[in-house]
Structures are given as structure tokens and as C-alpha cells.
């Protein structure tokens, strides 16, 4: 019985896969048939490819970045980093001051002083 190793199977598979490419490479090449030459890929040598190509590339890149930013913002939930953000309802500064006084973080004099500053 003949034992076939994995490397022999891989070499045979690579040879079978590469033979058509190797054979085609030996034949005569027609530049126009494969899209090479002065009128590459049917552009006809026009100037518009040099103008619109970079513009479309920038446009597509801007759209991809905008979609990524919107997706991150949508998945991230609300963001409270804006300057116009108000405190959540029920958390007025005086309530926070009262909580700090109740926890013992500030004494009575500091509580009274800060309450006067807040205007209540």
C-alpha cells in the first residue's frame, strides 16, 4: 500500500491549480483583449477619469466615515457632554447640598453658606 503524505497532496493540488495559469502565460498576449494598453479598461484615455476618480474616492470615504460616526453614536446611547445639558429632574443643586449635609460631608456653617450662595 502506498502512503501519501500531506505535503505530497498539497504539492499535487498546487500543481493542478497552477497549470492552467502557466499554460495561458505561454500564449501570445493581446493587450487590448485583457484591458491593457493606451485605452486601459475602456476609459478611452479621457481626462474625466483623473478628475472624477479622486472626487468619488473622497465622497465614498466621507460617507463611510459619516456612517461609522452615526453608528457609534446610535449604539453608544445618549451623550451628556454638551454645554446646554441640564441636570436631570429632581437633582437640583440644593437637593445635592442637602444630601451632602445629611451624609456628614459638610458641616452646618458650610451648608448655610453654600445655601446662601445658591440663593435659597
N, C-alpha and C. Protein backbone atom coordinates (compact mmCIF):
# COMPACT_ATOMS: atom_id res chain seq x y z
N UNK A 1 0.84 -1.17 0.00
CA UNK A 1 0.00 0.00 0.00
C UNK A 1 0.90 1.24 0.00
N UNK A 2 0.56 2.24 -0.80
CA UNK A 2 1.35 3.46 -0.94
C UNK A 2 0.82 4.49 0.05
N UNK A 3 1.75 5.05 0.83
CA UNK A 3 1.36 6.09 1.78
C UNK A 3 1.60 7.46 1.15
N UNK A 4 0.62 8.30 1.23
CA UNK A 4 0.69 9.63 0.64
C UNK A 4 0.70 10.65 1.79
N UNK A 5 1.72 11.47 1.83
CA UNK A 5 1.82 12.46 2.91
C UNK A 5 1.01 13.72 2.54
N UNK A 6 0.77 14.53 3.55
CA UNK A 6 0.02 15.76 3.33
C UNK A 6 0.77 16.71 2.41
N UNK A 7 2.09 16.74 2.50
CA UNK A 7 2.86 17.64 1.64
C UNK A 7 2.78 17.21 0.18
N UNK A 8 2.71 15.92 -0.07
CA UNK A 8 2.59 15.45 -1.45
C UNK A 8 1.22 15.83 -2.02
N UNK A 9 0.19 15.71 -1.21
CA UNK A 9 -1.15 16.08 -1.66
C UNK A 9 -1.21 17.58 -1.92
N UNK A 10 -0.59 18.39 -1.06
CA UNK A 10 -0.58 19.84 -1.25
C UNK A 10 0.19 20.22 -2.50
N UNK A 11 1.32 19.57 -2.74
CA UNK A 11 2.10 19.88 -3.95
C UNK A 11 1.33 19.50 -5.20
N UNK A 12 0.66 18.36 -5.19
CA UNK A 12 -0.12 17.94 -6.35
C UNK A 12 -1.28 18.89 -6.59
N UNK A 13 -1.95 19.32 -5.53
CA UNK A 13 -3.05 20.26 -5.67
C UNK A 13 -2.59 21.60 -6.21
N UNK A 14 -1.45 22.08 -5.74
CA UNK A 14 -0.92 23.35 -6.24
C UNK A 14 -0.53 23.23 -7.70
N UNK A 15 0.04 22.11 -8.09
CA UNK A 15 0.43 21.91 -9.48
C UNK A 15 -0.81 21.89 -10.38
N UNK A 16 -1.84 21.21 -9.95
CA UNK A 16 -3.06 21.14 -10.75
C UNK A 16 -3.71 22.52 -10.86
N UNK A 17 -3.69 23.29 -9.77
CA UNK A 17 -4.30 24.62 -9.79
C UNK A 17 -3.50 25.60 -10.63
N UNK A 18 -2.17 25.46 -10.67
CA UNK A 18 -1.34 26.44 -11.37
C UNK A 18 -1.07 26.10 -12.82
N UNK A 19 -1.33 24.89 -13.24
CA UNK A 19 -1.04 24.50 -14.62
C UNK A 19 -1.80 25.35 -15.63
N UNK A 20 -3.12 25.60 -15.47
CA UNK A 20 -3.79 26.43 -16.47
C UNK A 20 -3.20 27.83 -16.57
N UNK A 21 -2.84 28.43 -15.45
CA UNK A 21 -2.24 29.76 -15.47
C UNK A 21 -0.89 29.72 -16.17
N UNK A 22 -0.13 28.70 -15.92
CA UNK A 22 1.18 28.57 -16.52
C UNK A 22 1.06 28.40 -18.03
N UNK A 23 0.09 27.61 -18.46
CA UNK A 23 -0.11 27.39 -19.89
C UNK A 23 -0.58 28.67 -20.57
N UNK A 24 -1.51 29.38 -19.96
CA UNK A 24 -2.00 30.62 -20.56
C UNK A 24 -0.91 31.68 -20.62
N UNK A 25 -0.01 31.68 -19.68
CA UNK A 25 1.07 32.66 -19.67
C UNK A 25 2.02 32.46 -20.84
N UNK A 26 2.06 31.25 -21.40
CA UNK A 26 2.97 30.96 -22.51
C UNK A 26 2.40 31.41 -23.85
N UNK A 27 1.12 31.63 -23.92
CA UNK A 27 0.50 32.01 -25.18
C UNK A 27 0.72 33.47 -25.51
N UNK A 28 0.39 33.85 -26.75
CA UNK A 28 0.54 35.26 -27.15
C UNK A 28 -0.49 36.11 -26.41
N UNK A 29 -0.08 37.30 -26.06
CA UNK A 29 -1.00 38.18 -25.33
C UNK A 29 -1.45 39.31 -26.24
N UNK A 30 -2.70 39.62 -26.13
CA UNK A 30 -3.28 40.73 -26.88
C UNK A 30 -3.61 41.81 -25.86
N UNK A 31 -2.87 42.94 -25.87
CA UNK A 31 -3.07 43.96 -24.83
C UNK A 31 -4.50 44.49 -24.78
N UNK A 32 -5.14 44.65 -25.93
CA UNK A 32 -6.48 45.20 -25.93
C UNK A 32 -7.49 44.19 -25.37
N UNK A 33 -7.20 42.91 -25.52
CA UNK A 33 -8.14 41.88 -25.06
C UNK A 33 -8.22 41.85 -23.54
N UNK A 34 -7.12 42.07 -22.86
CA UNK A 34 -7.10 41.97 -21.41
C UNK A 34 -7.20 43.33 -20.73
N UNK A 35 -7.48 44.37 -21.45
CA UNK A 35 -7.69 45.67 -20.84
C UNK A 35 -6.43 46.46 -20.59
N UNK A 36 -5.31 46.09 -21.23
CA UNK A 36 -4.08 46.85 -21.07
C UNK A 36 -3.89 47.73 -22.31
N UNK A 37 -2.95 48.59 -22.23
CA UNK A 37 -2.63 49.40 -23.40
C UNK A 37 -3.06 50.84 -23.20
N UNK A 38 -3.08 51.60 -24.27
CA UNK A 38 -3.35 53.04 -24.15
C UNK A 38 -4.78 53.34 -23.68
N UNK A 39 -5.70 52.44 -23.95
CA UNK A 39 -7.09 52.68 -23.54
C UNK A 39 -7.47 51.62 -22.51
N UNK A 40 -6.79 51.68 -21.40
CA UNK A 40 -6.92 50.66 -20.38
C UNK A 40 -8.34 50.62 -19.80
N UNK A 41 -8.92 49.46 -19.73
CA UNK A 41 -10.22 49.17 -19.14
C UNK A 41 -11.33 50.00 -19.77
N UNK A 42 -11.21 50.35 -21.02
CA UNK A 42 -12.28 51.01 -21.73
C UNK A 42 -12.50 52.47 -21.38
N UNK A 43 -11.54 53.11 -20.74
CA UNK A 43 -11.70 54.51 -20.40
C UNK A 43 -11.55 55.41 -21.62
N UNK A 44 -10.93 54.92 -22.63
CA UNK A 44 -10.77 55.72 -23.83
C UNK A 44 -9.75 56.82 -23.70
N UNK A 45 -8.96 56.81 -22.66
CA UNK A 45 -7.92 57.82 -22.50
C UNK A 45 -8.46 59.19 -22.14
N UNK A 46 -9.67 59.28 -21.60
CA UNK A 46 -10.27 60.57 -21.29
C UNK A 46 -9.72 61.19 -20.02
N UNK A 47 -9.84 62.50 -19.92
CA UNK A 47 -9.34 63.24 -18.76
C UNK A 47 -10.27 63.11 -17.57
N UNK A 48 -11.54 62.80 -17.82
CA UNK A 48 -12.53 62.80 -16.75
C UNK A 48 -12.25 61.76 -15.68
N UNK A 49 -11.53 60.71 -16.01
CA UNK A 49 -11.18 59.71 -15.00
C UNK A 49 -10.25 60.27 -13.95
N UNK A 50 -9.38 61.19 -14.34
CA UNK A 50 -8.45 61.79 -13.39
C UNK A 50 -9.14 62.81 -12.50
N UNK A 51 -10.23 63.39 -12.96
CA UNK A 51 -10.95 64.37 -12.16
C UNK A 51 -11.97 63.69 -11.25
N UNK A 52 -12.82 62.85 -11.84
CA UNK A 52 -13.91 62.27 -11.07
C UNK A 52 -13.46 61.11 -10.18
N UNK A 53 -12.39 60.44 -10.52
CA UNK A 53 -11.91 59.33 -9.70
C UNK A 53 -11.58 59.75 -8.28
N UNK A 54 -10.69 60.74 -8.09
CA UNK A 54 -10.39 61.20 -6.73
C UNK A 54 -11.60 61.82 -6.02
N UNK A 55 -12.46 62.52 -6.78
CA UNK A 55 -13.64 63.11 -6.16
C UNK A 55 -14.58 62.03 -5.61
N UNK A 56 -14.80 60.99 -6.39
CA UNK A 56 -15.65 59.89 -5.92
C UNK A 56 -14.99 59.15 -4.76
N UNK A 57 -13.68 59.02 -4.80
CA UNK A 57 -12.98 58.36 -3.70
C UNK A 57 -13.17 59.15 -2.40
N UNK A 58 -13.03 60.47 -2.46
CA UNK A 58 -13.23 61.30 -1.28
C UNK A 58 -14.68 61.24 -0.82
N UNK A 59 -15.61 61.26 -1.77
CA UNK A 59 -17.03 61.19 -1.42
C UNK A 59 -17.36 59.87 -0.73
N UNK A 60 -16.88 58.77 -1.26
CA UNK A 60 -17.15 57.47 -0.66
C UNK A 60 -16.50 57.39 0.73
N UNK A 61 -15.30 57.89 0.87
CA UNK A 61 -14.63 57.89 2.17
C UNK A 61 -15.40 58.72 3.19
N UNK A 62 -15.92 59.88 2.77
CA UNK A 62 -16.70 60.73 3.68
C UNK A 62 -17.99 60.03 4.09
N UNK A 63 -18.64 59.34 3.17
CA UNK A 63 -19.87 58.62 3.50
C UNK A 63 -19.58 57.48 4.48
N UNK A 64 -18.49 56.76 4.27
CA UNK A 64 -18.13 55.66 5.18
C UNK A 64 -17.84 56.20 6.58
N UNK A 65 -17.13 57.30 6.68
CA UNK A 65 -16.81 57.89 7.98
C UNK A 65 -18.08 58.39 8.66
N UNK A 66 -18.97 59.04 7.89
CA UNK A 66 -20.23 59.54 8.47
C UNK A 66 -21.09 58.40 8.99
N UNK A 67 -21.17 57.31 8.23
CA UNK A 67 -21.96 56.16 8.67
C UNK A 67 -21.35 55.56 9.94
N UNK A 68 -20.03 55.48 10.01
CA UNK A 68 -19.37 54.93 11.19
C UNK A 68 -19.63 55.81 12.41
N UNK A 69 -19.55 57.12 12.27
CA UNK A 69 -19.80 58.04 13.38
C UNK A 69 -21.24 57.94 13.85
N UNK A 70 -22.19 57.92 12.91
CA UNK A 70 -23.59 57.82 13.29
C UNK A 70 -23.89 56.48 13.96
N UNK A 71 -23.28 55.43 13.48
CA UNK A 71 -23.48 54.11 14.07
C UNK A 71 -22.94 54.06 15.50
N UNK A 72 -21.77 54.64 15.72
CA UNK A 72 -21.19 54.66 17.07
C UNK A 72 -22.05 55.50 18.00
N UNK A 73 -22.55 56.63 17.53
CA UNK A 73 -23.41 57.47 18.37
C UNK A 73 -24.73 56.77 18.68
N UNK A 74 -25.28 56.06 17.69
CA UNK A 74 -26.54 55.37 17.90
C UNK A 74 -26.38 54.22 18.88
N UNK A 75 -25.29 53.46 18.74
CA UNK A 75 -25.06 52.33 19.63
C UNK A 75 -24.62 52.78 21.02
N UNK A 76 -24.01 53.95 21.11
CA UNK A 76 -23.49 54.43 22.39
C UNK A 76 -24.53 55.02 23.30
N UNK A 77 -25.71 55.31 22.79
CA UNK A 77 -26.76 55.88 23.62
C UNK A 77 -26.61 57.39 23.74
N UNK A 78 -27.39 57.98 24.63
CA UNK A 78 -27.33 59.45 24.77
C UNK A 78 -26.00 59.90 25.36
N UNK A 79 -25.58 61.06 24.93
CA UNK A 79 -24.32 61.64 25.38
C UNK A 79 -24.62 62.97 26.05
N UNK A 80 -24.18 63.14 27.28
CA UNK A 80 -24.49 64.33 28.04
C UNK A 80 -23.29 65.26 28.15
N UNK A 81 -22.52 65.38 27.11
CA UNK A 81 -21.33 66.21 27.17
C UNK A 81 -21.53 67.61 26.64
N UNK A 82 -22.73 67.99 26.23
CA UNK A 82 -22.94 69.30 25.65
C UNK A 82 -23.07 70.36 26.73
N UNK A 83 -22.81 71.59 26.36
CA UNK A 83 -22.86 72.69 27.32
C UNK A 83 -24.29 73.02 27.71
N UNK A 84 -25.26 72.73 26.85
CA UNK A 84 -26.64 73.09 27.13
C UNK A 84 -27.36 72.03 27.95
N UNK A 85 -26.65 71.03 28.40
CA UNK A 85 -27.27 69.95 29.16
C UNK A 85 -27.69 70.43 30.54
N UNK A 86 -28.92 70.14 30.88
CA UNK A 86 -29.43 70.50 32.20
C UNK A 86 -29.34 69.28 33.12
N UNK A 87 -29.38 69.53 34.41
CA UNK A 87 -29.38 68.44 35.38
C UNK A 87 -30.65 67.63 35.23
N UNK A 88 -30.59 66.35 35.50
CA UNK A 88 -31.82 65.56 35.44
C UNK A 88 -32.85 66.09 36.43
N UNK A 89 -34.13 65.91 36.14
CA UNK A 89 -35.16 66.44 37.05
C UNK A 89 -35.04 65.81 38.43
N UNK A 90 -35.25 66.64 39.46
CA UNK A 90 -35.19 66.14 40.83
C UNK A 90 -33.79 66.22 41.43
N UNK A 91 -32.80 66.63 40.68
CA UNK A 91 -31.43 66.72 41.19
C UNK A 91 -30.98 68.19 41.14
N UNK A 92 -31.70 69.03 41.80
CA UNK A 92 -31.33 70.44 41.87
C UNK A 92 -30.10 70.59 42.75
N UNK A 93 -29.36 71.66 42.57
CA UNK A 93 -28.16 71.87 43.39
C UNK A 93 -28.46 71.90 44.90
N UNK A 94 -29.61 72.45 45.26
CA UNK A 94 -29.95 72.49 46.68
C UNK A 94 -30.20 71.09 47.23
N UNK A 95 -30.79 70.21 46.40
CA UNK A 95 -31.00 68.83 46.83
C UNK A 95 -29.67 68.11 47.06
N UNK A 96 -28.72 68.35 46.17
CA UNK A 96 -27.40 67.74 46.33
C UNK A 96 -26.73 68.26 47.59
N UNK A 97 -26.87 69.57 47.84
CA UNK A 97 -26.29 70.16 49.05
C UNK A 97 -26.91 69.56 50.30
N UNK A 98 -28.22 69.36 50.28
CA UNK A 98 -28.89 68.75 51.43
C UNK A 98 -28.43 67.32 51.65
N UNK A 99 -28.23 66.58 50.57
CA UNK A 99 -27.74 65.20 50.68
C UNK A 99 -26.34 65.17 51.28
N UNK A 100 -25.48 66.08 50.85
CA UNK A 100 -24.11 66.12 51.40
C UNK A 100 -24.13 66.46 52.89
N UNK A 101 -25.02 67.37 53.27
CA UNK A 101 -25.15 67.73 54.69
C UNK A 101 -25.67 66.54 55.49
N UNK A 102 -26.62 65.82 54.92
CA UNK A 102 -27.20 64.66 55.61
C UNK A 102 -26.17 63.55 55.76
N UNK A 103 -25.28 63.40 54.80
CA UNK A 103 -24.25 62.36 54.90
C UNK A 103 -23.09 62.77 55.80
N UNK A 104 -23.05 64.02 56.16
CA UNK A 104 -21.99 64.49 57.04
C UNK A 104 -20.73 64.93 56.31
N UNK A 105 -20.83 65.13 55.01
CA UNK A 105 -19.66 65.58 54.24
C UNK A 105 -19.33 67.03 54.53
N UNK A 106 -20.35 67.84 54.84
CA UNK A 106 -20.13 69.26 55.16
C UNK A 106 -20.81 69.56 56.49
N UNK A 107 -20.32 70.59 57.18
CA UNK A 107 -20.91 70.95 58.46
C UNK A 107 -22.00 72.00 58.25
N UNK A 108 -22.62 72.43 59.40
CA UNK A 108 -23.76 73.33 59.31
C UNK A 108 -23.37 74.70 58.75
N UNK A 109 -22.21 75.22 59.14
CA UNK A 109 -21.78 76.54 58.65
C UNK A 109 -21.57 76.52 57.14
N UNK A 110 -20.91 75.47 56.65
CA UNK A 110 -20.67 75.37 55.21
C UNK A 110 -21.99 75.18 54.46
N UNK A 111 -22.91 74.42 55.07
CA UNK A 111 -24.21 74.22 54.44
C UNK A 111 -24.94 75.54 54.30
N UNK A 112 -24.97 76.33 55.39
CA UNK A 112 -25.68 77.62 55.37
C UNK A 112 -25.04 78.58 54.37
N UNK A 113 -23.70 78.59 54.33
CA UNK A 113 -23.00 79.49 53.41
C UNK A 113 -23.31 79.15 51.96
N UNK A 114 -23.24 77.87 51.65
CA UNK A 114 -23.49 77.46 50.26
C UNK A 114 -24.96 77.63 49.88
N UNK A 115 -25.86 77.47 50.85
CA UNK A 115 -27.27 77.67 50.55
C UNK A 115 -27.54 79.14 50.24
N UNK A 116 -26.85 80.05 50.97
CA UNK A 116 -26.99 81.48 50.66
C UNK A 116 -26.46 81.81 49.28
N UNK A 117 -25.33 81.17 48.92
CA UNK A 117 -24.74 81.41 47.60
C UNK A 117 -25.70 80.93 46.50
N UNK A 118 -26.37 79.80 46.74
CA UNK A 118 -27.31 79.29 45.75
C UNK A 118 -28.57 80.12 45.64
N UNK A 119 -28.84 80.95 46.64
CA UNK A 119 -29.97 81.86 46.55
C UNK A 119 -31.25 81.34 47.14
N UNK A 120 -31.15 80.43 48.09
CA UNK A 120 -32.39 79.93 48.71
C UNK A 120 -32.36 80.20 50.18
